[in-house]
Protein backbone atom coordinates (compact mmCIF):
# COMPACT_ATOMS: atom_id res chain seq x y z
CA MET A 1 142.50 125.70 124.22
CA THR A 2 139.15 124.74 122.71
CA LYS A 3 138.76 125.12 118.97
CA ARG A 4 135.29 125.59 117.50
CA ARG A 5 134.39 124.32 114.05
CA VAL A 6 131.28 124.30 111.92
CA VAL A 7 130.18 120.82 110.88
CA VAL A 8 127.47 119.53 108.56
CA ASP A 9 125.35 116.40 108.79
CA TYR A 10 125.22 115.44 105.12
CA GLY A 11 122.40 112.98 105.85
CA LEU A 12 120.18 115.94 106.79
CA CYS A 13 121.50 118.61 104.41
CA GLU A 14 119.19 119.34 101.47
CA SER A 15 121.58 121.83 99.82
CA ASN A 16 119.13 124.71 99.82
CA GLY A 17 121.97 127.26 100.02
CA ILE A 18 120.73 129.45 102.86
CA CYS A 19 124.10 129.09 104.59
CA MET A 20 125.98 130.07 101.42
CA GLY A 21 123.79 133.15 101.14
CA ILE A 22 124.79 134.13 104.68
CA ASN A 23 128.53 133.68 104.16
CA PRO A 24 129.90 132.36 100.83
CA ASP A 25 133.45 132.49 102.21
CA VAL A 26 132.56 129.73 104.70
CA PHE A 27 129.89 127.73 102.84
CA HIS A 28 129.90 126.73 99.17
CA LEU A 29 127.45 124.79 97.01
CA ASP A 30 128.93 123.46 93.80
CA ASP A 31 127.05 123.03 90.51
CA GLU A 32 125.87 119.58 91.63
CA ASP A 33 124.44 120.94 94.91
CA ASN A 34 127.18 119.47 97.09
CA LEU A 35 127.87 121.57 100.20
CA TYR A 36 131.46 122.25 101.17
CA ILE A 37 132.68 123.98 104.30
CA LEU A 38 135.51 126.16 103.01
CA LYS A 39 136.56 127.55 106.39
CA PRO A 40 135.45 125.15 109.13
CA ASP A 41 137.40 126.86 111.92
CA ILE A 42 135.24 129.53 113.55
CA THR A 43 136.98 132.86 113.97
CA PRO A 44 135.77 136.10 115.53
CA GLU A 45 135.08 137.31 111.96
CA THR A 46 132.89 134.32 111.04
CA GLU A 47 131.31 133.56 114.42
CA GLY A 48 128.15 135.63 113.86
CA ASP A 49 127.53 134.35 110.33
CA VAL A 50 128.07 130.73 111.36
CA ALA A 51 125.65 131.12 114.29
CA GLU A 52 123.05 132.62 111.93
CA ALA A 53 123.54 129.82 109.39
CA VAL A 54 123.13 127.17 112.11
CA ARG A 55 120.00 128.93 113.36
CA ARG A 56 118.44 129.36 109.90
CA CYS A 57 119.21 125.91 108.45
CA PRO A 58 115.76 124.43 107.77
CA ARG A 59 116.96 120.85 108.32
CA GLN A 60 119.23 121.63 111.31
CA ALA A 61 122.09 120.05 109.33
CA LEU A 62 124.68 122.55 110.62
CA ALA A 63 126.22 122.56 114.08
CA VAL A 64 129.17 123.95 115.99
CA ALA A 65 131.55 121.34 117.39
CA GLU A 66 134.16 122.01 120.04
CA GLU A 67 137.50 120.24 119.92
CA GLU A 68 140.30 120.22 122.49
């Protein structure tokens, strides 16, 4: 079964927080503007928000990875 996860390219991420605004249960920026993925595994409940965050990331730092 293929598992889907949200991943971030920290070399591209500029910590603008758009993703956290879309779903703060999945994405979190700390006080030092470090992005953390709190729930990397994509579930039916988070699938739409993750897709929107990937689409709206201005630096294209977010992606969905598939793992076997």
